[in-house]
């Protein structure tokens, strides 16, 4: 998913009752519109992906490096970006170490 897809999904689906501004996209996973056009992918109460209008996507687990968090990140990041775990350490698919706050760049319009 890139910014344009996140924005389209956010506006096409009905918001969740009782959770103002949240659009459900998976189990305990929501899109939420933030300031300055930023769209957050929220898993439980953690913003795991921030889609920016510039095409940047900020990836952050907030320390919750669980199997399900990794699954959600991989499900919603656009190809070719993927995260995997080896010997209890997270890596990007190019074998560089994963860090909270890493930024991937995409074309926001595609």
C-alpha atoms as a PDB file:
ATOM      1  CA  UNK A   1       0.000   0.000   0.000  1.00  0.00           C
ATOM      2  CA  UNK A   2       1.216   3.492  -0.789  1.00  0.00           C
ATOM      3  CA  UNK A   3      -0.171   6.891   0.181  1.00  0.00           C
ATOM      4  CA  UNK A   4      -2.722   7.031  -2.658  1.00  0.00           C
ATOM      5  CA  UNK A   5      -4.053   3.559  -1.836  1.00  0.00           C
ATOM      6  CA  UNK A   6      -4.218   4.355   1.888  1.00  0.00           C
ATOM      7  CA  UNK A   7      -6.115   7.573   1.160  1.00  0.00           C
ATOM      8  CA  UNK A   8      -8.526   5.806  -1.195  1.00  0.00           C
ATOM      9  CA  UNK A   9      -9.174   3.012   1.318  1.00  0.00           C
ATOM     10  CA  UNK A  10      -9.658   5.519   4.130  1.00  0.00           C
ATOM     11  CA  UNK A  11     -12.321   7.402   2.187  1.00  0.00           C
ATOM     12  CA  UNK A  12     -14.084   4.448   0.511  1.00  0.00           C
ATOM     13  CA  UNK A  13     -14.719   2.302   3.576  1.00  0.00           C
ATOM     14  CA  UNK A  14     -17.153   3.162   6.309  1.00  0.00           C
ATOM     15  CA  UNK A  15     -15.636   4.400   9.565  1.00  0.00           C
ATOM     16  CA  UNK A  16     -15.805   2.152  12.612  1.00  0.00           C
ATOM     17  CA  UNK A  17     -18.722   2.934  14.904  1.00  0.00           C
ATOM     18  CA  UNK A  18     -17.562   4.344  18.211  1.00  0.00           C
ATOM     19  CA  UNK A  19     -14.017   4.926  16.953  1.00  0.00           C
ATOM     20  CA  UNK A  20     -14.117   8.329  15.319  1.00  0.00           C
ATOM     21  CA  UNK A  21     -11.996   8.630  12.208  1.00  0.00           C
ATOM     22  CA  UNK A  22     -10.823   5.003  12.181  1.00  0.00           C
ATOM     23  CA  UNK A  23     -11.340   2.757   9.164  1.00  0.00           C
ATOM     24  CA  UNK A  24     -10.883  -0.962   9.796  1.00  0.00           C
ATOM     25  CA  UNK A  25      -8.540  -2.777   7.391  1.00  0.00           C
ATOM     26  CA  UNK A  26      -7.791  -5.918   9.436  1.00  0.00           C
ATOM     27  CA  UNK A  27      -8.141  -7.514  12.854  1.00  0.00           C
ATOM     28  CA  UNK A  28      -7.268  -4.746  15.355  1.00  0.00           C
ATOM     29  CA  UNK A  29      -5.798  -2.810  12.398  1.00  0.00           C
ATOM     30  CA  UNK A  30      -7.081   0.583  11.281  1.00  0.00           C
ATOM     31  CA  UNK A  31      -6.285   3.532   9.036  1.00  0.00           C
ATOM     32  CA  UNK A  32      -6.491   6.923  10.727  1.00  0.00           C
ATOM     33  CA  UNK A  33      -6.152  10.383   9.165  1.00  0.00           C
ATOM     34  CA  UNK A  34      -3.557  12.544  10.943  1.00  0.00           C
ATOM     35  CA  UNK A  35      -2.364  16.127  10.620  1.00  0.00           C
ATOM     36  CA  UNK A  36      -0.780  17.430   7.426  1.00  0.00           C
ATOM     37  CA  UNK A  37      -2.302  14.674   5.296  1.00  0.00           C
ATOM     38  CA  UNK A  38      -0.467  11.840   7.058  1.00  0.00           C
ATOM     39  CA  UNK A  39      -2.351   8.536   7.261  1.00  0.00           C
ATOM     40  CA  UNK A  40      -1.450   6.132  10.060  1.00  0.00           C
ATOM     41  CA  UNK A  41      -1.815   2.376   9.968  1.00  0.00           C
ATOM     42  CA  UNK A  42      -2.652   1.609  13.583  1.00  0.00           C
ATOM     43  CA  UNK A  43      -2.235  -1.899  15.016  1.00  0.00           C
ATOM     44  CA  UNK A  44      -3.836  -2.011  18.453  1.00  0.00           C
ATOM     45  CA  UNK A  45      -2.776   1.460  19.628  1.00  0.00           C
ATOM     46  CA  UNK A  46       0.580   1.660  17.819  1.00  0.00           C
ATOM     47  CA  UNK A  47       1.157   3.608  14.611  1.00  0.00           C
ATOM     48  CA  UNK A  48       3.190   0.960  12.764  1.00  0.00           C
ATOM     49  CA  UNK A  49       3.164   2.755   9.388  1.00  0.00           C
ATOM     50  CA  UNK A  50       2.826   6.456   8.637  1.00  0.00           C
ATOM     51  CA  UNK A  51       1.990   7.176   4.995  1.00  0.00           C
ATOM     52  CA  UNK A  52       3.068  10.716   4.079  1.00  0.00           C
ATOM     53  CA  UNK A  53       1.862  12.647   1.008  1.00  0.00           C
ATOM     54  CA  UNK A  54       5.508  12.922  -0.109  1.00  0.00           C
ATOM     55  CA  UNK A  55       5.675   9.148  -0.609  1.00  0.00           C
ATOM     56  CA  UNK A  56       7.659   8.467   2.555  1.00  0.00           C
ATOM     57  CA  UNK A  57       6.467   5.651   4.784  1.00  0.00           C
ATOM     58  CA  UNK A  58       7.752   5.658   8.354  1.00  0.00           C
ATOM     59  CA  UNK A  59       7.901   2.172   9.904  1.00  0.00           C
ATOM     60  CA  UNK A  60       7.806   1.872  13.697  1.00  0.00           C
ATOM     61  CA  UNK A  61       6.926  -1.040  15.990  1.00  0.00           C
ATOM     62  CA  UNK A  62       7.207   1.045  19.173  1.00  0.00           C
ATOM     63  CA  UNK A  63       9.133  -1.911  20.569  1.00  0.00           C
ATOM     64  CA  UNK A  64       6.370  -4.454  19.841  1.00  0.00           C
ATOM     65  CA  UNK A  65       8.342  -6.744  17.552  1.00  0.00           C
ATOM     66  CA  UNK A  66       5.818  -9.528  17.448  1.00  0.00           C
ATOM     67  CA  UNK A  67       4.973 -11.974  14.685  1.00  0.00           C
ATOM     68  CA  UNK A  68       1.659 -10.223  14.088  1.00  0.00           C
ATOM     69  CA  UNK A  69       3.228  -6.752  13.974  1.00  0.00           C
ATOM     70  CA  UNK A  70       5.701  -8.019  11.361  1.00  0.00           C
ATOM     71  CA  UNK A  71       2.850  -9.620   9.425  1.00  0.00           C
ATOM     72  CA  UNK A  72       0.875  -6.361   9.367  1.00  0.00           C
ATOM     73  CA  UNK A  73       3.922  -4.365   8.274  1.00  0.00           C
ATOM     74  CA  UNK A  74       4.612  -6.788   5.427  1.00  0.00           C
ATOM     75  CA  UNK A  75       0.926  -6.898   4.463  1.00  0.00           C
ATOM     76  CA  UNK A  76       0.625  -3.137   4.081  1.00  0.00           C
ATOM     77  CA  UNK A  77       4.094  -2.095   2.874  1.00  0.00           C
ATOM     78  CA  UNK A  78       4.363  -1.874  -0.908  1.00  0.00           C
ATOM     79  CA  UNK A  79       6.616  -4.283  -2.775  1.00  0.00           C
ATOM     80  CA  UNK A  80       9.554  -4.787  -2.738  1.00  0.00           C
ATOM     81  CA  UNK A  81       9.846  -3.768   0.940  1.00  0.00           C
ATOM     82  CA  UNK A  82       9.625  -6.627   3.438  1.00  0.00           C
ATOM     83  CA  UNK A  83      10.829  -7.322   6.972  1.00  0.00           C
ATOM     84  CA  UNK A  84      12.001 -10.701   8.232  1.00  0.00           C
ATOM     85  CA  UNK A  85      13.428 -12.087  11.453  1.00  0.00           C
ATOM     86  CA  UNK A  86      16.592 -14.130  11.828  1.00  0.00           C
ATOM     87  CA  UNK A  87      18.072 -15.164  15.184  1.00  0.00           C
ATOM     88  CA  UNK A  88      15.673 -12.812  17.030  1.00  0.00           C
ATOM     89  CA  UNK A  89      16.803  -9.787  14.961  1.00  0.00           C
ATOM     90  CA  UNK A  90      14.649  -7.989  12.387  1.00  0.00           C
ATOM     91  CA  UNK A  91      16.048  -7.198   8.937  1.00  0.00           C
ATOM     92  CA  UNK A  92      14.861  -5.623   5.737  1.00  0.00           C
ATOM     93  CA  UNK A  93      14.713  -7.906   2.692  1.00  0.00           C
ATOM     94  CA  UNK A  94      18.029  -6.408   1.499  1.00  0.00           C
ATOM     95  CA  UNK A  95      19.655  -7.784   4.712  1.00  0.00           C
ATOM     96  CA  UNK A  96      20.099  -4.356   6.324  1.00  0.00           C
ATOM     97  CA  UNK A  97      19.124  -4.134   9.996  1.00  0.00           C
ATOM     98  CA  UNK A  98      15.621  -2.925  10.756  1.00  0.00           C
ATOM     99  CA  UNK A  99      15.256   0.027  13.128  1.00  0.00           C
ATOM    100  CA  UNK A 100      12.127   1.694  14.444  1.00  0.00           C
ATOM    101  CA  UNK A 101      11.627   4.925  12.545  1.00  0.00           C
ATOM    102  CA  UNK A 102      13.104   3.618   9.290  1.00  0.00           C
ATOM    103  CA  UNK A 103      11.741   5.418   6.237  1.00  0.00           C
ATOM    104  CA  UNK A 104      11.007   3.829   2.882  1.00  0.00           C
ATOM    105  CA  UNK A 105      10.355   5.961  -0.185  1.00  0.00           C
ATOM    106  CA  UNK A 106       7.582   5.256  -2.695  1.00  0.00           C
ATOM    107  CA  UNK A 107       5.843   7.177  -5.407  1.00  0.00           C
ATOM    108  CA  UNK A 108       2.765   8.575  -3.620  1.00  0.00           C
ATOM    109  CA  UNK A 109       0.679   8.610  -6.786  1.00  0.00           C
ATOM    110  CA  UNK A 110       1.136   5.041  -7.993  1.00  0.00           C
END
